[in-house]
Amino acid sequence: MKTKRYSALKKSVPHQKQSTSYPSDQLTPSEIEQLQQEKKEDNAYFQKVFATNKPKNL
């Protein structure tokens, strides 16, 4: 019985390589630029908010 079990394991389906998709492959240059601009605007907003409302534990 061990031989049947072992041979069944040897005949297992090989693993397929998973393709990885990166956001830079899917976004257009204008979309990337827009996201970068939004990130800068968000950062400026949070810098302003935390400068005036600094948490007590910091």
PDB file of N, CA and C in Angstrom:
ATOM      1  N   MET A   1       0.802  -1.191   0.000  1.00  0.00           N
ATOM      2  CA  MET A   1       0.000   0.000   0.000  1.00  0.00           C
ATOM      3  C   MET A   1       0.852   1.265   0.000  1.00  0.00           C
ATOM      4  N   LYS A   2       1.994   1.207   0.594  1.00  0.00           N
ATOM      5  CA  LYS A   2       2.858   2.375   0.618  1.00  0.00           C
ATOM      6  C   LYS A   2       3.273   2.779  -0.795  1.00  0.00           C
ATOM      7  N   THR A   3       3.487   1.808  -1.662  1.00  0.00           N
ATOM      8  CA  THR A   3       3.939   2.132  -3.018  1.00  0.00           C
ATOM      9  C   THR A   3       2.856   2.877  -3.793  1.00  0.00           C
ATOM     10  N   LYS A   4       1.604   2.502  -3.628  1.00  0.00           N
ATOM     11  CA  LYS A   4       0.519   3.205  -4.314  1.00  0.00           C
ATOM     12  C   LYS A   4       0.424   4.643  -3.810  1.00  0.00           C
ATOM     13  N   ARG A   5       0.536   4.773  -2.539  1.00  0.00           N
ATOM     14  CA  ARG A   5       0.447   6.110  -1.946  1.00  0.00           C
ATOM     15  C   ARG A   5       1.594   6.984  -2.426  1.00  0.00           C
ATOM     16  N   TYR A   6       2.794   6.449  -2.431  1.00  0.00           N
ATOM     17  CA  TYR A   6       3.975   7.186  -2.854  1.00  0.00           C
ATOM     18  C   TYR A   6       3.885   7.560  -4.326  1.00  0.00           C
ATOM     19  N   SER A   7       3.460   6.645  -5.163  1.00  0.00           N
ATOM     20  CA  SER A   7       3.364   6.944  -6.584  1.00  0.00           C
ATOM     21  C   SER A   7       2.281   7.989  -6.859  1.00  0.00           C
ATOM     22  N   ALA A   8       1.241   7.998  -6.066  1.00  0.00           N
ATOM     23  CA  ALA A   8       0.195   9.005  -6.230  1.00  0.00           C
ATOM     24  C   ALA A   8       0.739  10.388  -5.881  1.00  0.00           C
ATOM     25  N   LEU A   9       1.575  10.446  -4.884  1.00  0.00           N
ATOM     26  CA  LEU A   9       2.177  11.729  -4.505  1.00  0.00           C
ATOM     27  C   LEU A   9       3.143  12.218  -5.583  1.00  0.00           C
ATOM     28  N   LYS A  10       3.861  11.314  -6.189  1.00  0.00           N
ATOM     29  CA  LYS A  10       4.821  11.698  -7.223  1.00  0.00           C
ATOM     30  C   LYS A  10       4.125  12.238  -8.462  1.00  0.00           C
ATOM     31  N   LYS A  11       2.903  11.783  -8.715  1.00  0.00           N
ATOM     32  CA  LYS A  11       2.184  12.189  -9.907  1.00  0.00           C
ATOM     33  C   LYS A  11       1.341  13.443  -9.685  1.00  0.00           C
ATOM     34  N   SER A  12       1.568  14.130  -8.585  1.00  0.00           N
ATOM     35  CA  SER A  12       0.763  15.320  -8.299  1.00  0.00           C
ATOM     36  C   SER A  12       0.992  16.386  -9.370  1.00  0.00           C
ATOM     37  N   VAL A  13       0.022  17.229  -9.522  1.00  0.00           N
ATOM     38  CA  VAL A  13       0.072  18.274 -10.538  1.00  0.00           C
ATOM     39  C   VAL A  13       1.128  19.301 -10.147  1.00  0.00           C
ATOM     40  N   PRO A  14       1.996  19.681 -11.077  1.00  0.00           N
ATOM     41  CA  PRO A  14       3.018  20.674 -10.745  1.00  0.00           C
ATOM     42  C   PRO A  14       2.366  22.035 -10.462  1.00  0.00           C
ATOM     43  N   HIS A  15       2.987  22.768  -9.565  1.00  0.00           N
ATOM     44  CA  HIS A  15       2.460  24.079  -9.199  1.00  0.00           C
ATOM     45  C   HIS A  15       2.673  25.061 -10.341  1.00  0.00           C
ATOM     46  N   GLN A  16       1.641  25.839 -10.610  1.00  0.00           N
ATOM     47  CA  GLN A  16       1.761  26.868 -11.629  1.00  0.00           C
ATOM     48  C   GLN A  16       2.369  28.109 -11.000  1.00  0.00           C
ATOM     49  N   LYS A  17       3.222  28.770 -11.756  1.00  0.00           N
ATOM     50  CA  LYS A  17       3.823  29.990 -11.270  1.00  0.00           C
ATOM     51  C   LYS A  17       2.763  31.096 -11.300  1.00  0.00           C
ATOM     52  N   GLN A  18       2.601  31.737 -10.160  1.00  0.00           N
ATOM     53  CA  GLN A  18       1.597  32.785 -10.058  1.00  0.00           C
ATOM     54  C   GLN A  18       2.162  34.063 -10.653  1.00  0.00           C
ATOM     55  N   SER A  19       1.416  34.653 -11.568  1.00  0.00           N
ATOM     56  CA  SER A  19       1.878  35.903 -12.153  1.00  0.00           C
ATOM     57  C   SER A  19       1.590  37.042 -11.182  1.00  0.00           C
ATOM     58  N   THR A  20       2.555  37.914 -11.039  1.00  0.00           N
ATOM     59  CA  THR A  20       2.420  39.044 -10.142  1.00  0.00           C
ATOM     60  C   THR A  20       2.145  40.284 -10.960  1.00  0.00           C
ATOM     61  N   SER A  21       1.163  41.017 -10.541  1.00  0.00           N
ATOM     62  CA  SER A  21       0.796  42.241 -11.229  1.00  0.00           C
ATOM     63  C   SER A  21       1.159  43.422 -10.339  1.00  0.00           C
ATOM     64  N   TYR A  22       1.834  44.400 -10.899  1.00  0.00           N
ATOM     65  CA  TYR A  22       2.230  45.583 -10.156  1.00  0.00           C
ATOM     66  C   TYR A  22       1.390  46.766 -10.599  1.00  0.00           C
ATOM     67  N   PRO A  23       1.057  47.659  -9.654  1.00  0.00           N
ATOM     68  CA  PRO A  23       0.238  48.818 -10.024  1.00  0.00           C
ATOM     69  C   PRO A  23       0.848  49.649 -11.151  1.00  0.00           C
ATOM     70  N   SER A  24       2.169  49.752 -11.203  1.00  0.00           N
ATOM     71  CA  SER A  24       2.796  50.556 -12.250  1.00  0.00           C
ATOM     72  C   SER A  24       2.575  49.954 -13.633  1.00  0.00           C
ATOM     73  N   ASP A  25       2.285  48.658 -13.691  1.00  0.00           N
ATOM     74  CA  ASP A  25       1.989  48.017 -14.970  1.00  0.00           C
ATOM     75  C   ASP A  25       0.574  48.338 -15.434  1.00  0.00           C
ATOM     76  N   GLN A  26      -0.284  48.741 -14.533  1.00  0.00           N
ATOM     77  CA  GLN A  26      -1.687  48.926 -14.849  1.00  0.00           C
ATOM     78  C   GLN A  26      -2.104  50.388 -14.942  1.00  0.00           C
ATOM     79  N   LEU A  27      -1.341  51.288 -14.344  1.00  0.00           N
ATOM     80  CA  LEU A  27      -1.713  52.697 -14.319  1.00  0.00           C
ATOM     81  C   LEU A  27      -1.029  53.467 -15.443  1.00  0.00           C
ATOM     82  N   THR A  28      -1.738  54.446 -15.936  1.00  0.00           N
ATOM     83  CA  THR A  28      -1.150  55.319 -16.953  1.00  0.00           C
ATOM     84  C   THR A  28      -0.287  56.364 -16.254  1.00  0.00           C
ATOM     85  N   PRO A  29       0.625  56.999 -16.971  1.00  0.00           N
ATOM     86  CA  PRO A  29       1.451  58.038 -16.353  1.00  0.00           C
ATOM     87  C   PRO A  29       0.622  59.167 -15.724  1.00  0.00           C
ATOM     88  N   SER A  30      -0.482  59.540 -16.355  1.00  0.00           N
ATOM     89  CA  SER A  30      -1.312  60.606 -15.782  1.00  0.00           C
ATOM     90  C   SER A  30      -1.983  60.150 -14.484  1.00  0.00           C
ATOM     91  N   GLU A  31      -2.345  58.881 -14.406  1.00  0.00           N
ATOM     92  CA  GLU A  31      -2.938  58.350 -13.173  1.00  0.00           C
ATOM     93  C   GLU A  31      -1.909  58.325 -12.049  1.00  0.00           C
ATOM     94  N   ILE A  32      -0.692  57.956 -12.376  1.00  0.00           N
ATOM     95  CA  ILE A  32       0.378  57.940 -11.381  1.00  0.00           C
ATOM     96  C   ILE A  32       0.636  59.354 -10.890  1.00  0.00           C
ATOM     97  N   GLU A  33       0.690  60.306 -11.814  1.00  0.00           N
ATOM     98  CA  GLU A  33       0.905  61.700 -11.442  1.00  0.00           C
ATOM     99  C   GLU A  33      -0.221  62.211 -10.539  1.00  0.00           C
ATOM    100  N   GLN A  34      -1.445  61.853 -10.860  1.00  0.00           N
ATOM    101  CA  GLN A  34      -2.591  62.272 -10.054  1.00  0.00           C
ATOM    102  C   GLN A  34      -2.502  61.693  -8.640  1.00  0.00           C
ATOM    103  N   LEU A  35      -2.135  60.429  -8.528  1.00  0.00           N
ATOM    104  CA  LEU A  35      -2.002  59.815  -7.207  1.00  0.00           C
ATOM    105  C   LEU A  35      -0.882  60.464  -6.399  1.00  0.00           C
ATOM    106  N   GLN A  36       0.215  60.804  -7.070  1.00  0.00           N
ATOM    107  CA  GLN A  36       1.314  61.465  -6.370  1.00  0.00           C
ATOM    108  C   GLN A  36       0.891  62.843  -5.872  1.00  0.00           C
ATOM    109  N   GLN A  37       0.119  63.570  -6.688  1.00  0.00           N
ATOM    110  CA  GLN A  37      -0.370  64.882  -6.289  1.00  0.00           C
ATOM    111  C   GLN A  37      -1.319  64.760  -5.102  1.00  0.00           C
ATOM    112  N   GLU A  38      -2.210  63.771  -5.138  1.00  0.00           N
ATOM    113  CA  GLU A  38      -3.132  63.555  -4.024  1.00  0.00           C
ATOM    114  C   GLU A  38      -2.371  63.213  -2.745  1.00  0.00           C
ATOM    115  N   LYS A  39      -1.311  62.437  -2.883  1.00  0.00           N
ATOM    116  CA  LYS A  39      -0.501  62.064  -1.729  1.00  0.00           C
ATOM    117  C   LYS A  39       0.141  63.309  -1.117  1.00  0.00           C
ATOM    118  N   LYS A  40       0.652  64.202  -1.957  1.00  0.00           N
ATOM    119  CA  LYS A  40       1.250  65.443  -1.462  1.00  0.00           C
ATOM    120  C   LYS A  40       0.215  66.304  -0.755  1.00  0.00           C
ATOM    121  N   GLU A  41      -0.983  66.408  -1.343  1.00  0.00           N
ATOM    122  CA  GLU A  41      -2.045  67.203  -0.739  1.00  0.00           C
ATOM    123  C   GLU A  41      -2.493  66.605   0.594  1.00  0.00           C
ATOM    124  N   ASP A  42      -2.611  65.278   0.639  1.00  0.00           N
ATOM    125  CA  ASP A  42      -2.994  64.604   1.883  1.00  0.00           C
ATOM    126  C   ASP A  42      -1.942  64.838   2.958  1.00  0.00           C
ATOM    127  N   ASN A  43      -0.687  64.737   2.583  1.00  0.00           N
ATOM    128  CA  ASN A  43       0.400  64.931   3.531  1.00  0.00           C
ATOM    129  C   ASN A  43       0.375  66.353   4.086  1.00  0.00           C
ATOM    130  N   ALA A  44       0.173  67.332   3.223  1.00  0.00           N
ATOM    131  CA  ALA A  44       0.108  68.725   3.663  1.00  0.00           C
ATOM    132  C   ALA A  44      -1.054  68.925   4.638  1.00  0.00           C
ATOM    133  N   TYR A  45      -2.184  68.329   4.333  1.00  0.00           N
ATOM    134  CA  TYR A  45      -3.358  68.441   5.209  1.00  0.00           C
ATOM    135  C   TYR A  45      -3.067  67.862   6.593  1.00  0.00           C
ATOM    136  N   PHE A  46      -2.514  66.658   6.625  1.00  0.00           N
ATOM    137  CA  PHE A  46      -2.257  66.023   7.917  1.00  0.00           C
ATOM    138  C   PHE A  46      -1.158  66.732   8.692  1.00  0.00           C
ATOM    139  N   GLN A  47      -0.177  67.271   7.993  1.00  0.00           N
ATOM    140  CA  GLN A  47       0.857  68.050   8.680  1.00  0.00           C
ATOM    141  C   GLN A  47       0.216  69.253   9.374  1.00  0.00           C
ATOM    142  N   LYS A  48      -0.720  69.909   8.690  1.00  0.00           N
ATOM    143  CA  LYS A  48      -1.401  71.073   9.246  1.00  0.00           C
ATOM    144  C   LYS A  48      -2.276  70.672  10.433  1.00  0.00           C
ATOM    145  N   VAL A  49      -3.041  69.601  10.284  1.00  0.00           N
ATOM    146  CA  VAL A  49      -3.937  69.162  11.353  1.00  0.00           C
ATOM    147  C   VAL A  49      -3.149  68.749  12.584  1.00  0.00           C
ATOM    148  N   PHE A  50      -2.088  67.968  12.405  1.00  0.00           N
ATOM    149  CA  PHE A  50      -1.334  67.494  13.559  1.00  0.00           C
ATOM    150  C   PHE A  50      -0.473  68.591  14.168  1.00  0.00           C
ATOM    151  N   ALA A  51      -0.146  69.611  13.413  1.00  0.00           N
ATOM    152  CA  ALA A  51       0.612  70.718  13.979  1.00  0.00           C
ATOM    153  C   ALA A  51      -0.254  71.508  14.958  1.00  0.00           C
ATOM    154  N   THR A  52      -1.535  71.623  14.650  1.00  0.00           N
ATOM    155  CA  THR A  52      -2.435  72.382  15.531  1.00  0.00           C
ATOM    156  C   THR A  52      -3.064  71.501  16.611  1.00  0.00           C
ATOM    157  N   ASN A  53      -3.191  70.217  16.389  1.00  0.00           N
ATOM    158  CA  ASN A  53      -3.827  69.291  17.340  1.00  0.00           C
ATOM    159  C   ASN A  53      -2.880  68.151  17.696  1.00  0.00           C
ATOM    160  N   LYS A  54      -1.709  68.493  18.162  1.00  0.00           N
ATOM    161  CA  LYS A  54      -0.713  67.466  18.475  1.00  0.00           C
ATOM    162  C   LYS A  54      -1.216  66.569  19.605  1.00  0.00           C
ATOM    163  N   PRO A  55      -1.170  65.242  19.402  1.00  0.00           N
ATOM    164  CA  PRO A  55      -1.610  64.309  20.457  1.00  0.00           C
ATOM    165  C   PRO A  55      -0.754  64.483  21.726  1.00  0.00           C
ATOM    166  N   LYS A  56      -1.370  64.288  22.886  1.00  0.00           N
ATOM    167  CA  LYS A  56      -0.677  64.480  24.168  1.00  0.00           C
ATOM    168  C   LYS A  56       0.457  63.480  24.387  1.00  0.00           C
ATOM    169  N   ASN A  57       0.345  62.296  23.796  1.00  0.00           N
ATOM    170  CA  ASN A  57       1.346  61.258  24.039  1.00  0.00           C
ATOM    171  C   ASN A  57       2.597  61.426  23.204  1.00  0.00           C
ATOM    172  N   LEU A  58       2.690  62.438  22.372  1.00  0.00           N
ATOM    173  CA  LEU A  58       3.904  62.642  21.565  1.00  0.00           C
ATOM    174  C   LEU A  58       4.736  63.746  22.110  1.00  0.00           C
TER     175      LEU A  58
END
